[in-house]
Amino acid sequence: MYVVAPIPHKKSGNILKTLPVDKFLMIDRHVPVKADFSYITQEFFQSSYAAFAQLAPAIKKYKKMIYYHRPNSDTPDEILQAFQKFVKDFKIRHSILPEYTIGSIEAGNVYFTINNAELWMMLKDSKFKKLKLGSDVGLLSHNDEIVKEIIFDGITTYSTSFEAMAQKAAVFVLGRKRYRKRFRPF
């Protein structure tokens, strides 16, 4: 049995297609493979766009949205593409920066990061500058975690149900039931 969470790379597909399709389950990130295999993976473009669109009224209350996207990282490019489409469609002033600089958080902006270390720096800077989350400054993060529900009265996140993905993976492993599903964050 092969349960693989691949890292997107130009060689990944060729390596994965060598696995027996009846014993191979791709989880988490989806890498195109020319084979009839099972997968339980995340879908990033449509789900990210939908999350941004749902949050548009709150985002429009701020003067600018800043997305920290690290080129050449393992962050899905589909999230960047969804962000670019969203800001264009909803006419949102924005910036795309490679990383957060300590102390640069400003009132009137909404910030989006996938990187938790950056999120913690933003929270620390917000506290130091006495900025109130949700009114002075907005923060949006990907992947819900229990700590994000608790700190600063909660951080706005969107995330895939990893519990549901794990349950489907267990069904595949235990019963070899073929499964093909792309999960969308809620």
N, C-alpha and C. Protein backbone atom coordinates (compact mmCIF):
# COMPACT_ATOMS: atom_id res chain seq x y z
N MET A 1 0.85 -1.17 0.00
CA MET A 1 0.00 0.00 0.00
C MET A 1 0.90 1.24 0.00
N TYR A 2 0.56 2.20 -0.86
CA TYR A 2 1.32 3.44 -0.97
C TYR A 2 0.38 4.62 -0.77
N VAL A 3 0.51 5.32 0.33
CA VAL A 3 -0.25 6.54 0.59
C VAL A 3 0.77 7.66 0.53
N VAL A 4 0.64 8.51 -0.50
CA VAL A 4 1.68 9.49 -0.79
C VAL A 4 1.09 10.91 -0.77
N ALA A 5 1.76 11.80 -0.05
CA ALA A 5 1.46 13.23 -0.09
C ALA A 5 2.58 13.87 -0.88
N PRO A 6 2.41 13.99 -2.19
CA PRO A 6 3.52 14.45 -3.03
C PRO A 6 3.80 15.95 -2.90
N ILE A 7 5.04 16.29 -3.11
CA ILE A 7 5.43 17.69 -3.24
C ILE A 7 5.50 17.97 -4.73
N PRO A 8 4.76 18.96 -5.21
CA PRO A 8 4.78 19.24 -6.64
C PRO A 8 6.20 19.54 -7.14
N HIS A 9 6.59 18.79 -8.13
CA HIS A 9 7.90 18.93 -8.75
C HIS A 9 7.78 18.34 -10.14
N LYS A 10 8.58 18.79 -11.06
CA LYS A 10 8.48 18.32 -12.44
C LYS A 10 8.72 16.82 -12.57
N LYS A 11 9.41 16.20 -11.61
CA LYS A 11 9.68 14.77 -11.67
C LYS A 11 8.66 13.93 -10.90
N SER A 12 7.80 14.57 -10.11
CA SER A 12 6.87 13.82 -9.25
C SER A 12 5.96 12.89 -10.04
N GLY A 13 5.35 13.38 -11.11
CA GLY A 13 4.42 12.57 -11.89
C GLY A 13 5.06 11.30 -12.42
N ASN A 14 6.27 11.41 -12.95
CA ASN A 14 6.96 10.23 -13.48
C ASN A 14 7.28 9.21 -12.40
N ILE A 15 7.62 9.68 -11.23
CA ILE A 15 7.90 8.76 -10.13
C ILE A 15 6.62 8.08 -9.67
N LEU A 16 5.54 8.88 -9.50
CA LEU A 16 4.29 8.33 -8.99
C LEU A 16 3.65 7.32 -9.94
N LYS A 17 3.80 7.51 -11.24
CA LYS A 17 3.15 6.59 -12.17
C LYS A 17 3.81 5.21 -12.19
N THR A 18 4.92 5.05 -11.48
CA THR A 18 5.55 3.73 -11.37
C THR A 18 4.88 2.88 -10.29
N LEU A 19 4.04 3.49 -9.46
CA LEU A 19 3.37 2.75 -8.38
C LEU A 19 2.16 2.00 -8.94
N PRO A 20 1.84 0.83 -8.38
CA PRO A 20 0.66 0.08 -8.84
C PRO A 20 -0.62 0.86 -8.48
N VAL A 21 -1.44 1.16 -9.48
CA VAL A 21 -2.60 2.03 -9.27
C VAL A 21 -3.59 1.48 -8.25
N ASP A 22 -3.70 0.18 -8.11
CA ASP A 22 -4.65 -0.40 -7.16
C ASP A 22 -4.14 -0.33 -5.71
N LYS A 23 -2.87 0.04 -5.52
CA LYS A 23 -2.29 0.15 -4.18
C LYS A 23 -1.80 1.57 -3.88
N PHE A 24 -2.19 2.52 -4.71
CA PHE A 24 -1.67 3.89 -4.59
C PHE A 24 -2.80 4.86 -4.28
N LEU A 25 -2.62 5.64 -3.23
CA LEU A 25 -3.55 6.70 -2.87
C LEU A 25 -2.75 7.99 -2.72
N MET A 26 -3.09 9.00 -3.53
CA MET A 26 -2.47 10.32 -3.40
C MET A 26 -3.32 11.13 -2.43
N ILE A 27 -2.66 11.76 -1.45
CA ILE A 27 -3.38 12.59 -0.48
C ILE A 27 -2.79 13.99 -0.45
N ASP A 28 -3.57 14.93 0.05
CA ASP A 28 -3.20 16.33 0.26
C ASP A 28 -3.05 17.09 -1.05
N ARG A 29 -1.87 17.18 -1.63
CA ARG A 29 -1.63 17.94 -2.86
C ARG A 29 -1.86 17.05 -4.07
N HIS A 30 -2.47 17.60 -5.10
CA HIS A 30 -2.75 16.84 -6.32
C HIS A 30 -1.66 17.11 -7.36
N VAL A 31 -1.06 16.04 -7.80
CA VAL A 31 -0.06 16.11 -8.87
C VAL A 31 -0.62 15.31 -10.05
N PRO A 32 -0.71 15.91 -11.22
CA PRO A 32 -1.24 15.16 -12.37
C PRO A 32 -0.37 13.94 -12.71
N VAL A 33 -1.02 12.81 -12.82
CA VAL A 33 -0.35 11.57 -13.17
C VAL A 33 -1.22 10.89 -14.23
N LYS A 34 -0.60 10.45 -15.30
CA LYS A 34 -1.35 9.77 -16.36
C LYS A 34 -1.54 8.31 -15.97
N ALA A 35 -2.46 8.09 -15.03
CA ALA A 35 -2.81 6.76 -14.56
C ALA A 35 -4.15 6.86 -13.84
N ASP A 36 -4.84 5.76 -13.74
CA ASP A 36 -6.16 5.72 -13.11
C ASP A 36 -6.01 5.35 -11.64
N PHE A 37 -5.55 6.30 -10.84
CA PHE A 37 -5.25 6.06 -9.43
C PHE A 37 -6.28 6.73 -8.54
N SER A 38 -6.29 6.36 -7.27
CA SER A 38 -7.18 6.99 -6.28
C SER A 38 -6.50 8.21 -5.68
N TYR A 39 -7.31 9.18 -5.32
CA TYR A 39 -6.76 10.38 -4.68
C TYR A 39 -7.78 11.02 -3.77
N ILE A 40 -7.28 11.64 -2.73
CA ILE A 40 -8.05 12.45 -1.79
C ILE A 40 -7.18 13.68 -1.58
N THR A 41 -7.43 14.72 -2.35
CA THR A 41 -6.53 15.87 -2.36
C THR A 41 -7.31 17.17 -2.19
N GLN A 42 -6.57 18.21 -1.92
CA GLN A 42 -7.17 19.54 -1.79
C GLN A 42 -7.31 20.19 -3.15
N GLU A 43 -8.32 21.02 -3.28
CA GLU A 43 -8.53 21.85 -4.46
C GLU A 43 -8.29 23.28 -4.00
N PHE A 44 -7.42 24.01 -4.66
CA PHE A 44 -7.01 25.31 -4.14
C PHE A 44 -7.58 26.52 -4.88
N PHE A 45 -7.69 26.49 -6.20
CA PHE A 45 -8.08 27.69 -6.94
C PHE A 45 -9.52 28.11 -6.65
N GLN A 46 -10.47 27.25 -6.98
CA GLN A 46 -11.88 27.61 -6.81
C GLN A 46 -12.24 27.85 -5.35
N SER A 47 -11.69 27.02 -4.47
CA SER A 47 -12.01 27.17 -3.05
C SER A 47 -11.43 28.46 -2.47
N SER A 48 -10.22 28.82 -2.88
CA SER A 48 -9.63 30.07 -2.39
C SER A 48 -10.40 31.26 -2.93
N TYR A 49 -10.73 31.22 -4.22
CA TYR A 49 -11.51 32.31 -4.81
C TYR A 49 -12.86 32.46 -4.09
N ALA A 50 -13.52 31.33 -3.84
CA ALA A 50 -14.82 31.37 -3.15
C ALA A 50 -14.68 31.94 -1.74
N ALA A 51 -13.61 31.59 -1.04
CA ALA A 51 -13.39 32.12 0.31
C ALA A 51 -13.16 33.63 0.26
N PHE A 52 -12.33 34.09 -0.68
CA PHE A 52 -12.10 35.52 -0.83
C PHE A 52 -13.40 36.24 -1.17
N ALA A 53 -14.15 35.69 -2.11
CA ALA A 53 -15.41 36.32 -2.55
C ALA A 53 -16.40 36.41 -1.39
N GLN A 54 -16.48 35.37 -0.58
CA GLN A 54 -17.37 35.39 0.57
C GLN A 54 -16.96 36.48 1.58
N LEU A 55 -15.66 36.71 1.67
CA LEU A 55 -15.14 37.71 2.60
C LEU A 55 -15.06 39.12 1.99
N ALA A 56 -15.43 39.25 0.73
CA ALA A 56 -15.29 40.54 0.02
C ALA A 56 -15.91 41.72 0.77
N PRO A 57 -17.12 41.61 1.31
CA PRO A 57 -17.67 42.79 2.02
C PRO A 57 -16.78 43.24 3.19
N ALA A 58 -16.22 42.30 3.92
CA ALA A 58 -15.33 42.66 5.03
C ALA A 58 -14.00 43.20 4.51
N ILE A 59 -13.48 42.59 3.45
CA ILE A 59 -12.21 43.03 2.87
C ILE A 59 -12.32 44.45 2.32
N LYS A 60 -13.47 44.77 1.72
CA LYS A 60 -13.66 46.10 1.11
C LYS A 60 -13.71 47.21 2.16
N LYS A 61 -13.85 46.87 3.42
CA LYS A 61 -13.82 47.88 4.48
C LYS A 61 -12.41 48.43 4.71
N TYR A 62 -11.43 47.71 4.20
CA TYR A 62 -10.04 48.12 4.36
C TYR A 62 -9.57 48.81 3.08
N LYS A 63 -8.52 49.61 3.20
CA LYS A 63 -8.06 50.35 2.03
C LYS A 63 -7.23 49.50 1.09
N LYS A 64 -6.63 48.40 1.60
CA LYS A 64 -5.75 47.60 0.76
C LYS A 64 -5.64 46.19 1.33
N MET A 65 -5.46 45.20 0.44
CA MET A 65 -5.23 43.81 0.84
C MET A 65 -3.81 43.41 0.43
N ILE A 66 -3.08 42.86 1.36
CA ILE A 66 -1.70 42.47 1.10
C ILE A 66 -1.58 40.95 1.27
N TYR A 67 -1.06 40.31 0.24
CA TYR A 67 -0.85 38.87 0.26
C TYR A 67 0.65 38.59 0.25
N TYR A 68 1.09 37.80 1.22
CA TYR A 68 2.49 37.41 1.28
C TYR A 68 2.62 36.05 0.61
N HIS A 69 3.23 36.07 -0.54
CA HIS A 69 3.43 34.85 -1.34
C HIS A 69 4.92 34.67 -1.58
N ARG A 70 5.43 33.55 -1.12
CA ARG A 70 6.85 33.26 -1.28
C ARG A 70 7.06 32.49 -2.58
N PRO A 71 7.66 33.14 -3.58
CA PRO A 71 7.96 32.42 -4.82
C PRO A 71 8.91 31.26 -4.53
N ASN A 72 8.80 30.23 -5.31
CA ASN A 72 9.65 29.04 -5.17
C ASN A 72 9.47 28.33 -3.83
N SER A 73 8.29 28.49 -3.22
CA SER A 73 8.00 27.75 -1.99
C SER A 73 7.01 26.63 -2.35
N ASP A 74 6.59 25.89 -1.35
CA ASP A 74 5.63 24.83 -1.62
C ASP A 74 4.18 25.32 -1.55
N THR A 75 3.99 26.63 -1.43
CA THR A 75 2.64 27.20 -1.44
C THR A 75 2.00 26.98 -2.80
N PRO A 76 0.78 26.47 -2.83
CA PRO A 76 0.13 26.21 -4.11
C PRO A 76 -0.02 27.49 -4.95
N ASP A 77 0.43 27.43 -6.19
CA ASP A 77 0.29 28.57 -7.11
C ASP A 77 -1.17 28.90 -7.36
N GLU A 78 -2.05 27.92 -7.21
CA GLU A 78 -3.48 28.16 -7.43
C GLU A 78 -4.04 29.19 -6.46
N ILE A 79 -3.48 29.27 -5.26
CA ILE A 79 -3.94 30.27 -4.30
C ILE A 79 -3.56 31.66 -4.79
N LEU A 80 -2.35 31.83 -5.29
CA LEU A 80 -1.92 33.10 -5.87
C LEU A 80 -2.82 33.47 -7.05
N GLN A 81 -3.10 32.53 -7.92
CA GLN A 81 -3.96 32.78 -9.09
C GLN A 81 -5.36 33.18 -8.66
N ALA A 82 -5.89 32.52 -7.63
CA ALA A 82 -7.22 32.87 -7.12
C ALA A 82 -7.22 34.28 -6.53
N PHE A 83 -6.17 34.61 -5.80
CA PHE A 83 -6.04 35.95 -5.22
C PHE A 83 -6.02 37.01 -6.33
N GLN A 84 -5.21 36.77 -7.36
CA GLN A 84 -5.11 37.72 -8.46
C GLN A 84 -6.45 37.91 -9.17
N LYS A 85 -7.17 36.84 -9.38
CA LYS A 85 -8.49 36.93 -10.02
C LYS A 85 -9.47 37.68 -9.11
N PHE A 86 -9.43 37.36 -7.81
CA PHE A 86 -10.32 38.00 -6.86
C PHE A 86 -10.13 39.51 -6.82
N VAL A 87 -8.88 39.97 -6.66
CA VAL A 87 -8.64 41.42 -6.54
C VAL A 87 -9.02 42.14 -7.84
N LYS A 88 -8.86 41.46 -8.97
CA LYS A 88 -9.25 42.05 -10.25
C LYS A 88 -10.78 42.12 -10.36
N ASP A 89 -11.44 41.00 -10.09
CA ASP A 89 -12.90 40.94 -10.21
C ASP A 89 -13.62 41.87 -9.24
N PHE A 90 -13.08 42.00 -8.03
CA PHE A 90 -13.74 42.80 -6.98
C PHE A 90 -13.12 44.19 -6.83
N LYS A 91 -12.18 44.51 -7.72
CA LYS A 91 -11.54 45.84 -7.73
C LYS A 91 -10.99 46.21 -6.35
N ILE A 92 -10.14 45.33 -5.83
CA ILE A 92 -9.53 45.51 -4.52
C ILE A 92 -8.10 46.03 -4.71
N ARG A 93 -7.77 47.14 -4.07
CA ARG A 93 -6.37 47.58 -4.06
C ARG A 93 -5.57 46.52 -3.33
N HIS A 94 -4.40 46.22 -3.85
CA HIS A 94 -3.65 45.11 -3.27
C HIS A 94 -2.16 45.21 -3.54
N SER A 95 -1.43 44.39 -2.84
CA SER A 95 0.00 44.17 -3.08
C SER A 95 0.28 42.70 -2.86
N ILE A 96 1.25 42.20 -3.61
CA ILE A 96 1.75 40.85 -3.39
C ILE A 96 3.22 41.01 -3.05
N LEU A 97 3.57 40.61 -1.84
CA LEU A 97 4.93 40.76 -1.35
C LEU A 97 5.52 39.39 -1.02
N PRO A 98 6.83 39.25 -1.12
CA PRO A 98 7.43 37.93 -0.90
C PRO A 98 7.45 37.50 0.57
N GLU A 99 7.48 38.43 1.49
CA GLU A 99 7.48 38.06 2.91
C GLU A 99 7.15 39.27 3.77
N TYR A 100 6.66 38.97 4.97
CA TYR A 100 6.33 40.02 5.93
C TYR A 100 7.60 40.56 6.57
N THR A 101 7.65 41.88 6.71
CA THR A 101 8.76 42.54 7.38
C THR A 101 8.29 42.95 8.78
N ILE A 102 9.03 42.54 9.78
CA ILE A 102 8.65 42.85 11.16
C ILE A 102 8.44 44.35 11.32
N GLY A 103 7.31 44.71 11.95
CA GLY A 103 6.98 46.11 12.22
C GLY A 103 6.23 46.81 11.11
N SER A 104 5.98 46.13 9.99
CA SER A 104 5.37 46.81 8.84
C SER A 104 3.84 46.80 8.83
N ILE A 105 3.21 46.15 9.78
CA ILE A 105 1.75 46.11 9.78
C ILE A 105 1.20 47.51 10.01
N GLU A 106 0.15 47.86 9.26
CA GLU A 106 -0.44 49.19 9.34
C GLU A 106 -1.95 49.10 9.46
N ALA A 107 -2.52 50.03 10.20
CA ALA A 107 -3.97 50.12 10.30
C ALA A 107 -4.54 50.41 8.92
N GLY A 108 -5.72 49.87 8.67
CA GLY A 108 -6.41 50.12 7.41
C GLY A 108 -6.18 49.07 6.35
N ASN A 109 -5.31 48.10 6.63
CA ASN A 109 -5.02 47.04 5.66
C ASN A 109 -5.52 45.69 6.16
N VAL A 110 -5.76 44.81 5.21
CA VAL A 110 -6.05 43.41 5.52
C VAL A 110 -4.89 42.60 4.94
N TYR A 111 -4.40 41.65 5.74
CA TYR A 111 -3.22 40.87 5.39
C TYR A 111 -3.60 39.40 5.25
N PHE A 112 -3.05 38.76 4.24
CA PHE A 112 -3.28 37.33 4.02
C PHE A 112 -1.94 36.61 3.92
N THR A 113 -1.77 35.60 4.74
CA THR A 113 -0.56 34.78 4.69
C THR A 113 -0.91 33.33 4.93
N ILE A 114 -0.12 32.46 4.36
CA ILE A 114 -0.24 31.02 4.60
C ILE A 114 0.80 30.60 5.63
N ASN A 115 1.82 31.39 5.78
CA ASN A 115 2.95 31.09 6.64
C ASN A 115 2.63 31.46 8.09
N ASN A 116 2.59 30.47 8.96
CA ASN A 116 2.26 30.73 10.37
C ASN A 116 3.29 31.60 11.07
N ALA A 117 4.56 31.47 10.73
CA ALA A 117 5.57 32.32 11.37
C ALA A 117 5.28 33.79 11.07
N GLU A 118 4.88 34.08 9.83
CA GLU A 118 4.51 35.46 9.49
C GLU A 118 3.27 35.89 10.25
N LEU A 119 2.30 35.01 10.36
CA LEU A 119 1.08 35.33 11.10
C LEU A 119 1.40 35.69 12.54
N TRP A 120 2.26 34.91 13.17
CA TRP A 120 2.61 35.20 14.57
C TRP A 120 3.32 36.56 14.68
N MET A 121 4.19 36.88 13.71
CA MET A 121 4.86 38.19 13.71
C MET A 121 3.83 39.31 13.56
N MET A 122 2.86 39.13 12.69
CA MET A 122 1.82 40.15 12.49
C MET A 122 1.01 40.35 13.76
N LEU A 123 0.68 39.25 14.42
CA LEU A 123 -0.07 39.35 15.67
C LEU A 123 0.74 40.08 16.74
N LYS A 124 2.00 39.75 16.84
CA LYS A 124 2.87 40.41 17.81
C LYS A 124 2.96 41.91 17.50
N ASP A 125 3.13 42.25 16.22
CA ASP A 125 3.21 43.65 15.83
C ASP A 125 1.88 44.37 16.07
N SER A 126 0.77 43.69 15.81
CA SER A 126 -0.55 44.29 16.06
C SER A 126 -0.72 44.61 17.54
N LYS A 127 -0.31 43.69 18.37
CA LYS A 127 -0.41 43.90 19.82
C LYS A 127 0.49 45.06 20.24
N PHE A 128 1.73 45.09 19.73
CA PHE A 128 2.68 46.16 20.08
C PHE A 128 2.15 47.53 19.64
N LYS A 129 1.53 47.58 18.45
CA LYS A 129 1.02 48.85 17.92
C LYS A 129 -0.41 49.15 18.39
N LYS A 130 -0.95 48.26 19.25
CA LYS A 130 -2.30 48.43 19.80
C LYS A 130 -3.37 48.50 18.70
N LEU A 131 -3.21 47.67 17.67
CA LEU A 131 -4.18 47.59 16.58
C LEU A 131 -5.19 46.50 16.90
N LYS A 132 -6.46 46.83 16.76
CA LYS A 132 -7.52 45.87 17.06
C LYS A 132 -7.83 45.07 15.79
N LEU A 133 -7.72 43.73 15.92
CA LEU A 133 -8.02 42.86 14.78
C LEU A 133 -9.51 42.94 14.45
N GLY A 134 -9.81 42.99 13.18
CA GLY A 134 -11.20 43.04 12.74
C GLY A 134 -11.73 44.44 12.56
N SER A 135 -11.03 45.43 13.10
CA SER A 135 -11.46 46.82 12.88
C SER A 135 -10.29 47.66 12.37
N ASP A 136 -9.20 47.73 13.15
CA ASP A 136 -8.03 48.50 12.69
C ASP A 136 -7.30 47.77 11.56
N VAL A 137 -7.19 46.49 11.70
CA VAL A 137 -6.43 45.67 10.75
C VAL A 137 -7.14 44.33 10.59
N GLY A 138 -7.05 43.75 9.39
CA GLY A 138 -7.64 42.44 9.14
C GLY A 138 -6.56 41.41 8.88
N LEU A 139 -6.77 40.19 9.36
CA LEU A 139 -5.83 39.09 9.10
C LEU A 139 -6.62 37.90 8.58
N LEU A 140 -6.10 37.31 7.52
CA LEU A 140 -6.68 36.11 6.93
C LEU A 140 -5.58 35.08 6.80
N SER A 141 -5.89 33.85 7.18
CA SER A 141 -4.90 32.78 7.14
C SER A 141 -5.51 31.54 6.51
N HIS A 142 -4.67 30.72 5.94
CA HIS A 142 -5.09 29.45 5.36
C HIS A 142 -4.79 28.35 6.36
N ASN A 143 -5.63 27.35 6.40
CA ASN A 143 -5.53 26.19 7.29
C ASN A 143 -5.91 26.53 8.72
N ASP A 144 -7.09 26.07 9.08
CA ASP A 144 -7.62 26.27 10.41
C ASP A 144 -6.84 25.40 11.39
N GLU A 145 -6.54 25.97 12.51
CA GLU A 145 -5.87 25.25 13.60
C GLU A 145 -6.49 25.72 14.89
N ILE A 146 -6.49 24.88 15.90
CA ILE A 146 -7.16 25.21 17.16
C ILE A 146 -6.63 26.51 17.75
N VAL A 147 -5.33 26.75 17.66
CA VAL A 147 -4.77 27.97 18.23
C VAL A 147 -5.31 29.22 17.51
N LYS A 148 -5.59 29.12 16.22
CA LYS A 148 -6.12 30.26 15.47
C LYS A 148 -7.56 30.58 15.87
N GLU A 149 -8.25 29.62 16.46
CA GLU A 149 -9.60 29.86 16.96
C GLU A 149 -9.58 30.60 18.30
N ILE A 150 -8.47 30.50 19.00
CA ILE A 150 -8.39 31.01 20.38
C ILE A 150 -7.72 32.37 20.47
N ILE A 151 -6.56 32.52 19.81
CA ILE A 151 -5.78 33.74 20.00
C ILE A 151 -6.49 34.96 19.43
N PHE A 152 -6.34 36.06 20.09
CA PHE A 152 -6.89 37.35 19.66
C PHE A 152 -8.37 37.24 19.32
N ASP A 153 -9.10 36.42 20.04
CA ASP A 153 -10.53 36.19 19.80
C ASP A 153 -10.80 35.56 18.44
N GLY A 154 -9.82 34.90 17.88
CA GLY A 154 -10.00 34.16 16.63
C GLY A 154 -9.43 34.88 15.43
N ILE A 155 -8.79 34.10 14.56
CA ILE A 155 -8.24 34.60 13.31
C ILE A 155 -9.12 34.04 12.20
N THR A 156 -9.46 34.85 11.23
CA THR A 156 -10.25 34.37 10.10
C THR A 156 -9.40 33.43 9.26
N THR A 157 -9.92 32.22 9.04
CA THR A 157 -9.20 31.23 8.25
C THR A 157 -10.16 30.55 7.29
N TYR A 158 -9.60 29.89 6.30
CA TYR A 158 -10.36 28.93 5.51
C TYR A 158 -9.49 27.71 5.36
N SER A 159 -10.11 26.53 5.39
CA SER A 159 -9.32 25.31 5.47
C SER A 159 -10.10 24.12 4.95
N THR A 160 -9.36 23.14 4.49
CA THR A 160 -9.93 21.85 4.12
C THR A 160 -10.23 21.08 5.40
N SER A 161 -11.21 20.19 5.35
CA SER A 161 -11.47 19.31 6.48
C SER A 161 -10.50 18.14 6.42
N PHE A 162 -9.39 18.28 7.13
CA PHE A 162 -8.38 17.23 7.13
C PHE A 162 -8.92 15.97 7.81
N GLU A 163 -9.85 16.12 8.73
CA GLU A 163 -10.47 14.97 9.39
C GLU A 163 -11.25 14.15 8.37
N ALA A 164 -12.04 14.81 7.53
CA ALA A 164 -12.80 14.10 6.49
C ALA A 164 -11.87 13.43 5.50
N MET A 165 -10.78 14.12 5.13
CA MET A 165 -9.81 13.52 4.22
C MET A 165 -9.19 12.27 4.84
N ALA A 166 -8.85 12.33 6.11
CA ALA A 166 -8.23 11.19 6.79
C ALA A 166 -9.19 10.01 6.87
N GLN A 167 -10.46 10.29 7.12
CA GLN A 167 -11.45 9.21 7.18
C GLN A 167 -11.57 8.50 5.84
N LYS A 168 -11.59 9.26 4.75
CA LYS A 168 -11.67 8.66 3.41
C LYS A 168 -10.40 7.87 3.09
N ALA A 169 -9.25 8.37 3.52
CA ALA A 169 -7.99 7.66 3.30
C ALA A 169 -7.99 6.33 4.05
N ALA A 170 -8.52 6.32 5.27
CA ALA A 170 -8.59 5.09 6.06
C ALA A 170 -9.48 4.06 5.37
N VAL A 171 -10.59 4.49 4.79
CA VAL A 171 -11.48 3.58 4.06
C VAL A 171 -10.72 2.95 2.89
N PHE A 172 -9.93 3.76 2.19
CA PHE A 172 -9.14 3.23 1.07
C PHE A 172 -8.12 2.20 1.56
N VAL A 173 -7.39 2.55 2.61
CA VAL A 173 -6.33 1.67 3.10
C VAL A 173 -6.91 0.36 3.63
N LEU A 174 -7.99 0.44 4.40
CA LEU A 174 -8.55 -0.75 5.02
C LEU A 174 -9.32 -1.62 4.03
N GLY A 175 -10.03 -0.99 3.09
CA GLY A 175 -10.88 -1.76 2.19
C GLY A 175 -10.51 -1.68 0.73
N ARG A 176 -9.49 -0.90 0.44
CA ARG A 176 -9.06 -0.67 -0.94
C ARG A 176 -10.21 -0.21 -1.83
N LYS A 177 -11.11 0.56 -1.24
CA LYS A 177 -12.20 1.14 -2.00
C LYS A 177 -11.65 2.30 -2.81
N ARG A 178 -11.81 2.24 -4.11
CA ARG A 178 -11.31 3.28 -5.01
C ARG A 178 -11.97 4.61 -4.65
N TYR A 179 -11.19 5.67 -4.66
CA TYR A 179 -11.73 6.97 -4.26
C TYR A 179 -11.05 8.08 -5.05
N ARG A 180 -11.87 8.99 -5.57
CA ARG A 180 -11.34 10.13 -6.33
C ARG A 180 -12.12 11.37 -5.90
N LYS A 181 -11.48 12.21 -5.09
CA LYS A 181 -12.16 13.39 -4.56
C LYS A 181 -11.15 14.50 -4.34
N ARG A 182 -11.56 15.72 -4.74
CA ARG A 182 -10.78 16.93 -4.43
C ARG A 182 -11.59 17.68 -3.39
N PHE A 183 -11.03 17.92 -2.23
CA PHE A 183 -11.71 18.61 -1.14
C PHE A 183 -11.54 20.12 -1.28
N ARG A 184 -12.61 20.81 -0.98
CA ARG A 184 -12.58 22.28 -0.98
C ARG A 184 -12.64 22.77 0.45
N PRO A 185 -11.85 23.77 0.78
CA PRO A 185 -11.95 24.35 2.12
C PRO A 185 -13.34 24.90 2.38
N PHE A 186 -13.70 24.95 3.63
CA PHE A 186 -14.99 25.50 4.04
C PHE A 186 -14.82 26.91 4.52
